[in-house]
Amino acid sequence: MAKLDKMTKQDLAKERKEAEARLKEIAKAEAEFDGRRLKELRAEIEAMLAKEGYSIAALFDGKAPKKGTKAKAAPKFRHPENASVTWSGRGRQPQWYKDAIAAGKTDKDLSV
């Protein structure tokens, strides 16, 4: 590669185009390698399982594991005028909470 500071704008554009093409070739080669490697690994794993008398289907039942759901956070603060409106203390403060604090209420006054 020639010295970049000695090149013309057209030569630099040509170099960039060639470099971008080369990067695409490299990315494609990496993807192909990953695909081949996965096939090789799968074949090795299937051979190990077959040696023990099992199949991939026996190892995986095809269902994704269930994800647990988080329990709803317990309320920590209650609206001073409407007891059915609560806030867990997580996330953004509700407007009624901000208004109550601005009016002189404390966390203890609003706590459940």
N, C-alpha and C. Protein backbone atom coordinates (compact mmCIF):
# COMPACT_ATOMS: atom_id res chain seq x y z
N MET A 1 0.85 -1.17 0.00
CA MET A 1 0.00 0.00 0.00
C MET A 1 0.89 1.24 0.00
N ALA A 2 0.55 2.18 -0.82
CA ALA A 2 1.34 3.41 -0.93
C ALA A 2 1.06 4.31 0.26
N LYS A 3 1.92 5.28 0.45
CA LYS A 3 1.71 6.26 1.52
C LYS A 3 0.42 7.02 1.25
N LEU A 4 -0.46 7.05 2.23
CA LEU A 4 -1.76 7.67 2.03
C LEU A 4 -1.67 9.17 1.83
N ASP A 5 -0.73 9.81 2.50
CA ASP A 5 -0.64 11.27 2.37
C ASP A 5 -0.11 11.71 1.01
N LYS A 6 0.41 10.80 0.23
CA LYS A 6 0.93 11.12 -1.11
C LYS A 6 -0.09 10.80 -2.21
N MET A 7 -1.25 10.22 -1.84
CA MET A 7 -2.22 9.76 -2.83
C MET A 7 -3.20 10.88 -3.20
N THR A 8 -3.76 10.76 -4.39
CA THR A 8 -4.79 11.70 -4.83
C THR A 8 -6.13 11.28 -4.23
N LYS A 9 -7.10 12.17 -4.34
CA LYS A 9 -8.43 11.86 -3.80
C LYS A 9 -9.03 10.65 -4.50
N GLN A 10 -8.81 10.52 -5.80
CA GLN A 10 -9.34 9.38 -6.55
C GLN A 10 -8.67 8.09 -6.08
N ASP A 11 -7.35 8.15 -5.84
CA ASP A 11 -6.64 6.96 -5.36
C ASP A 11 -7.12 6.56 -3.97
N LEU A 12 -7.36 7.56 -3.12
CA LEU A 12 -7.87 7.27 -1.77
C LEU A 12 -9.25 6.63 -1.84
N ALA A 13 -10.11 7.13 -2.72
CA ALA A 13 -11.45 6.56 -2.87
C ALA A 13 -11.35 5.12 -3.34
N LYS A 14 -10.43 4.86 -4.27
CA LYS A 14 -10.24 3.50 -4.78
C LYS A 14 -9.75 2.59 -3.65
N GLU A 15 -8.80 3.06 -2.85
CA GLU A 15 -8.28 2.28 -1.71
C GLU A 15 -9.40 1.97 -0.72
N ARG A 16 -10.25 2.98 -0.44
CA ARG A 16 -11.34 2.76 0.50
C ARG A 16 -12.30 1.71 -0.04
N LYS A 17 -12.63 1.80 -1.32
CA LYS A 17 -13.55 0.84 -1.93
C LYS A 17 -12.98 -0.58 -1.85
N GLU A 18 -11.69 -0.72 -2.12
CA GLU A 18 -11.04 -2.03 -2.03
C GLU A 18 -11.03 -2.55 -0.59
N ALA A 19 -10.77 -1.65 0.36
CA ALA A 19 -10.75 -2.05 1.77
C ALA A 19 -12.14 -2.50 2.22
N GLU A 20 -13.17 -1.77 1.81
CA GLU A 20 -14.54 -2.14 2.18
C GLU A 20 -14.92 -3.49 1.58
N ALA A 21 -14.51 -3.73 0.34
CA ALA A 21 -14.78 -5.02 -0.30
C ALA A 21 -14.07 -6.13 0.46
N ARG A 22 -12.85 -5.87 0.86
CA ARG A 22 -12.07 -6.87 1.62
C ARG A 22 -12.73 -7.16 2.96
N LEU A 23 -13.23 -6.13 3.64
CA LEU A 23 -13.92 -6.33 4.91
C LEU A 23 -15.17 -7.19 4.73
N LYS A 24 -15.90 -6.97 3.63
CA LYS A 24 -17.08 -7.80 3.37
C LYS A 24 -16.68 -9.25 3.15
N GLU A 25 -15.58 -9.47 2.44
CA GLU A 25 -15.10 -10.84 2.21
C GLU A 25 -14.73 -11.50 3.53
N ILE A 26 -14.07 -10.76 4.40
CA ILE A 26 -13.66 -11.30 5.70
C ILE A 26 -14.88 -11.64 6.54
N ALA A 27 -15.88 -10.75 6.57
CA ALA A 27 -17.10 -11.01 7.34
C ALA A 27 -17.82 -12.25 6.83
N LYS A 28 -17.86 -12.40 5.51
CA LYS A 28 -18.51 -13.57 4.92
C LYS A 28 -17.75 -14.84 5.29
N ALA A 29 -16.42 -14.78 5.24
CA ALA A 29 -15.60 -15.94 5.59
C ALA A 29 -15.79 -16.32 7.06
N GLU A 30 -15.90 -15.31 7.93
CA GLU A 30 -16.14 -15.58 9.35
C GLU A 30 -17.48 -16.28 9.55
N ALA A 31 -18.51 -15.80 8.87
CA ALA A 31 -19.84 -16.41 8.99
C ALA A 31 -19.83 -17.85 8.48
N GLU A 32 -19.15 -18.08 7.37
CA GLU A 32 -19.05 -19.44 6.83
C GLU A 32 -18.29 -20.35 7.78
N PHE A 33 -17.23 -19.82 8.39
CA PHE A 33 -16.47 -20.62 9.35
C PHE A 33 -17.36 -20.99 10.53
N ASP A 34 -18.11 -20.02 11.05
CA ASP A 34 -19.00 -20.31 12.17
C ASP A 34 -20.00 -21.40 11.81
N GLY A 35 -20.56 -21.32 10.62
CA GLY A 35 -21.52 -22.34 10.18
C GLY A 35 -20.89 -23.72 10.10
N ARG A 36 -19.68 -23.78 9.52
CA ARG A 36 -18.99 -25.08 9.42
C ARG A 36 -18.66 -25.60 10.82
N ARG A 37 -18.19 -24.73 11.69
CA ARG A 37 -17.81 -25.17 13.04
C ARG A 37 -19.01 -25.69 13.80
N LEU A 38 -20.14 -25.01 13.67
CA LEU A 38 -21.35 -25.49 14.34
C LEU A 38 -21.77 -26.87 13.84
N LYS A 39 -21.66 -27.09 12.53
CA LYS A 39 -21.99 -28.40 11.97
C LYS A 39 -21.05 -29.47 12.51
N GLU A 40 -19.75 -29.12 12.61
CA GLU A 40 -18.77 -30.07 13.15
C GLU A 40 -19.08 -30.40 14.60
N LEU A 41 -19.37 -29.37 15.39
CA LEU A 41 -19.68 -29.60 16.80
C LEU A 41 -20.94 -30.44 16.96
N ARG A 42 -21.95 -30.14 16.15
CA ARG A 42 -23.19 -30.92 16.24
C ARG A 42 -22.92 -32.39 15.93
N ALA A 43 -22.10 -32.64 14.90
CA ALA A 43 -21.78 -34.02 14.53
C ALA A 43 -21.03 -34.71 15.67
N GLU A 44 -20.10 -34.01 16.31
CA GLU A 44 -19.36 -34.59 17.43
C GLU A 44 -20.30 -34.91 18.59
N ILE A 45 -21.20 -33.99 18.89
CA ILE A 45 -22.13 -34.21 20.00
C ILE A 45 -23.08 -35.36 19.69
N GLU A 46 -23.59 -35.40 18.45
CA GLU A 46 -24.47 -36.51 18.06
C GLU A 46 -23.75 -37.84 18.14
N ALA A 47 -22.46 -37.87 17.77
CA ALA A 47 -21.69 -39.11 17.86
C ALA A 47 -21.52 -39.53 19.31
N MET A 48 -21.23 -38.58 20.20
CA MET A 48 -21.09 -38.92 21.62
C MET A 48 -22.40 -39.44 22.19
N LEU A 49 -23.52 -38.80 21.82
CA LEU A 49 -24.81 -39.25 22.31
C LEU A 49 -25.16 -40.62 21.76
N ALA A 50 -24.89 -40.85 20.47
CA ALA A 50 -25.18 -42.15 19.85
C ALA A 50 -24.37 -43.25 20.51
N LYS A 51 -23.14 -42.95 20.87
CA LYS A 51 -22.28 -43.93 21.54
C LYS A 51 -22.90 -44.38 22.86
N GLU A 52 -23.62 -43.46 23.51
CA GLU A 52 -24.28 -43.78 24.78
C GLU A 52 -25.72 -44.24 24.59
N GLY A 53 -26.17 -44.27 23.34
CA GLY A 53 -27.53 -44.74 23.06
C GLY A 53 -28.60 -43.67 23.12
N TYR A 54 -28.21 -42.43 22.98
CA TYR A 54 -29.17 -41.32 23.04
C TYR A 54 -29.17 -40.55 21.72
N SER A 55 -30.16 -39.67 21.60
CA SER A 55 -30.23 -38.79 20.43
C SER A 55 -30.35 -37.35 20.92
N ILE A 56 -30.20 -36.44 19.99
CA ILE A 56 -30.35 -35.02 20.34
C ILE A 56 -31.77 -34.78 20.86
N ALA A 57 -32.74 -35.44 20.26
CA ALA A 57 -34.13 -35.26 20.68
C ALA A 57 -34.32 -35.69 22.13
N ALA A 58 -33.59 -36.72 22.57
CA ALA A 58 -33.69 -37.16 23.95
C ALA A 58 -33.06 -36.14 24.89
N LEU A 59 -32.04 -35.46 24.40
CA LEU A 59 -31.35 -34.47 25.22
C LEU A 59 -32.18 -33.20 25.37
N PHE A 60 -32.80 -32.79 24.29
CA PHE A 60 -33.63 -31.59 24.30
C PHE A 60 -35.02 -31.97 23.86
N ASP A 61 -36.01 -31.59 24.65
CA ASP A 61 -37.38 -31.92 24.27
C ASP A 61 -37.98 -30.91 23.31
N GLY A 62 -37.22 -29.92 22.91
CA GLY A 62 -37.68 -28.94 21.94
C GLY A 62 -38.40 -27.76 22.55
N LYS A 63 -38.62 -27.81 23.84
CA LYS A 63 -39.30 -26.70 24.50
C LYS A 63 -38.27 -25.80 25.17
N ALA A 64 -38.48 -24.54 25.06
CA ALA A 64 -37.59 -23.59 25.74
C ALA A 64 -37.91 -23.63 27.24
N PRO A 65 -36.91 -23.46 28.08
CA PRO A 65 -37.19 -23.45 29.51
C PRO A 65 -38.11 -22.29 29.88
N LYS A 66 -38.98 -22.54 30.83
CA LYS A 66 -39.91 -21.50 31.25
C LYS A 66 -39.15 -20.43 32.03
N LYS A 67 -39.51 -19.21 31.75
CA LYS A 67 -38.91 -18.09 32.46
C LYS A 67 -39.83 -17.73 33.62
N GLY A 68 -39.24 -17.55 34.76
CA GLY A 68 -40.02 -17.16 35.91
C GLY A 68 -40.47 -15.71 35.80
N THR A 69 -41.59 -15.42 36.40
CA THR A 69 -42.06 -14.05 36.41
C THR A 69 -41.79 -13.45 37.77
N LYS A 70 -41.44 -12.21 37.77
CA LYS A 70 -41.17 -11.53 39.03
C LYS A 70 -42.50 -11.17 39.69
N ALA A 71 -42.50 -11.28 41.00
CA ALA A 71 -43.69 -10.89 41.74
C ALA A 71 -43.82 -9.37 41.72
N LYS A 72 -45.05 -8.91 41.72
CA LYS A 72 -45.29 -7.47 41.74
C LYS A 72 -44.79 -6.92 43.08
N ALA A 73 -44.13 -5.79 43.02
CA ALA A 73 -43.58 -5.18 44.23
C ALA A 73 -44.72 -4.75 45.15
N ALA A 74 -44.51 -4.98 46.43
CA ALA A 74 -45.52 -4.61 47.42
C ALA A 74 -45.60 -3.08 47.53
N PRO A 75 -46.80 -2.55 47.72
CA PRO A 75 -46.92 -1.10 47.85
C PRO A 75 -46.27 -0.59 49.14
N LYS A 76 -45.61 0.55 49.03
CA LYS A 76 -44.97 1.16 50.19
C LYS A 76 -45.64 2.48 50.56
N PHE A 77 -46.29 3.10 49.57
CA PHE A 77 -46.91 4.39 49.80
C PHE A 77 -48.35 4.37 49.29
N ARG A 78 -49.23 5.09 50.01
CA ARG A 78 -50.65 5.13 49.67
C ARG A 78 -51.06 6.59 49.47
N HIS A 79 -51.94 6.81 48.49
CA HIS A 79 -52.47 8.15 48.21
C HIS A 79 -53.18 8.65 49.47
N PRO A 80 -52.96 9.90 49.87
CA PRO A 80 -53.56 10.38 51.12
C PRO A 80 -55.09 10.47 51.09
N GLU A 81 -55.68 10.65 49.92
CA GLU A 81 -57.14 10.79 49.84
C GLU A 81 -57.84 9.58 49.24
N ASN A 82 -57.12 8.79 48.44
CA ASN A 82 -57.72 7.62 47.79
C ASN A 82 -56.85 6.40 48.14
N ALA A 83 -57.27 5.63 49.12
CA ALA A 83 -56.46 4.53 49.64
C ALA A 83 -56.24 3.41 48.62
N SER A 84 -57.01 3.38 47.55
CA SER A 84 -56.83 2.32 46.56
C SER A 84 -55.66 2.61 45.62
N VAL A 85 -55.14 3.83 45.64
CA VAL A 85 -54.02 4.21 44.78
C VAL A 85 -52.74 4.08 45.60
N THR A 86 -51.83 3.22 45.12
CA THR A 86 -50.58 2.99 45.85
C THR A 86 -49.39 3.11 44.91
N TRP A 87 -48.21 3.14 45.53
CA TRP A 87 -46.95 3.18 44.77
C TRP A 87 -45.95 2.31 45.51
N SER A 88 -45.17 1.51 44.77
CA SER A 88 -44.22 0.58 45.38
C SER A 88 -42.93 1.25 45.81
N GLY A 89 -42.71 2.48 45.39
CA GLY A 89 -41.46 3.15 45.71
C GLY A 89 -40.40 2.91 44.65
N ARG A 90 -40.77 2.18 43.61
CA ARG A 90 -39.84 1.89 42.51
C ARG A 90 -40.25 2.70 41.29
N GLY A 91 -39.25 3.06 40.50
CA GLY A 91 -39.54 3.78 39.27
C GLY A 91 -39.86 5.24 39.51
N ARG A 92 -40.53 5.81 38.55
CA ARG A 92 -40.85 7.23 38.58
C ARG A 92 -41.89 7.53 39.65
N GLN A 93 -41.70 8.63 40.34
CA GLN A 93 -42.65 9.02 41.38
C GLN A 93 -43.95 9.48 40.75
N PRO A 94 -45.08 8.98 41.24
CA PRO A 94 -46.36 9.44 40.70
C PRO A 94 -46.61 10.90 41.09
N GLN A 95 -47.44 11.56 40.32
CA GLN A 95 -47.70 12.98 40.55
C GLN A 95 -48.33 13.21 41.92
N TRP A 96 -49.24 12.33 42.34
CA TRP A 96 -49.88 12.51 43.63
C TRP A 96 -48.86 12.47 44.76
N TYR A 97 -47.82 11.64 44.61
CA TYR A 97 -46.76 11.55 45.62
C TYR A 97 -45.97 12.86 45.65
N LYS A 98 -45.60 13.35 44.48
CA LYS A 98 -44.86 14.61 44.39
C LYS A 98 -45.66 15.76 44.99
N ASP A 99 -46.95 15.79 44.66
CA ASP A 99 -47.81 16.86 45.18
C ASP A 99 -47.92 16.80 46.70
N ALA A 100 -48.05 15.59 47.24
CA ALA A 100 -48.17 15.43 48.69
C ALA A 100 -46.89 15.85 49.39
N ILE A 101 -45.75 15.50 48.85
CA ILE A 101 -44.46 15.88 49.44
C ILE A 101 -44.30 17.40 49.37
N ALA A 102 -44.69 18.00 48.24
CA ALA A 102 -44.60 19.45 48.08
C ALA A 102 -45.53 20.17 49.06
N ALA A 103 -46.63 19.51 49.43
CA ALA A 103 -47.59 20.10 50.36
C ALA A 103 -47.17 19.93 51.81
N GLY A 104 -46.02 19.30 52.04
CA GLY A 104 -45.52 19.18 53.41
C GLY A 104 -45.64 17.81 54.03
N LYS A 105 -46.21 16.86 53.31
CA LYS A 105 -46.30 15.48 53.84
C LYS A 105 -44.91 14.85 53.82
N THR A 106 -44.71 13.83 54.65
CA THR A 106 -43.44 13.10 54.68
C THR A 106 -43.67 11.68 54.18
N ASP A 107 -42.55 10.98 53.97
CA ASP A 107 -42.65 9.57 53.57
C ASP A 107 -43.45 8.78 54.59
N LYS A 108 -43.25 9.07 55.86
CA LYS A 108 -43.96 8.34 56.92
C LYS A 108 -45.46 8.59 56.83
N ASP A 109 -45.85 9.81 56.49
CA ASP A 109 -47.28 10.13 56.37
C ASP A 109 -47.93 9.32 55.25
N LEU A 110 -47.18 9.04 54.19
CA LEU A 110 -47.73 8.36 53.03
C LEU A 110 -47.48 6.86 53.03
N SER A 111 -46.67 6.37 53.95
CA SER A 111 -46.33 4.95 53.93
C SER A 111 -47.53 4.09 54.30
N VAL A 112 -47.51 2.87 53.79
CA VAL A 112 -48.61 1.92 53.99
C VAL A 112 -48.59 1.41 55.41
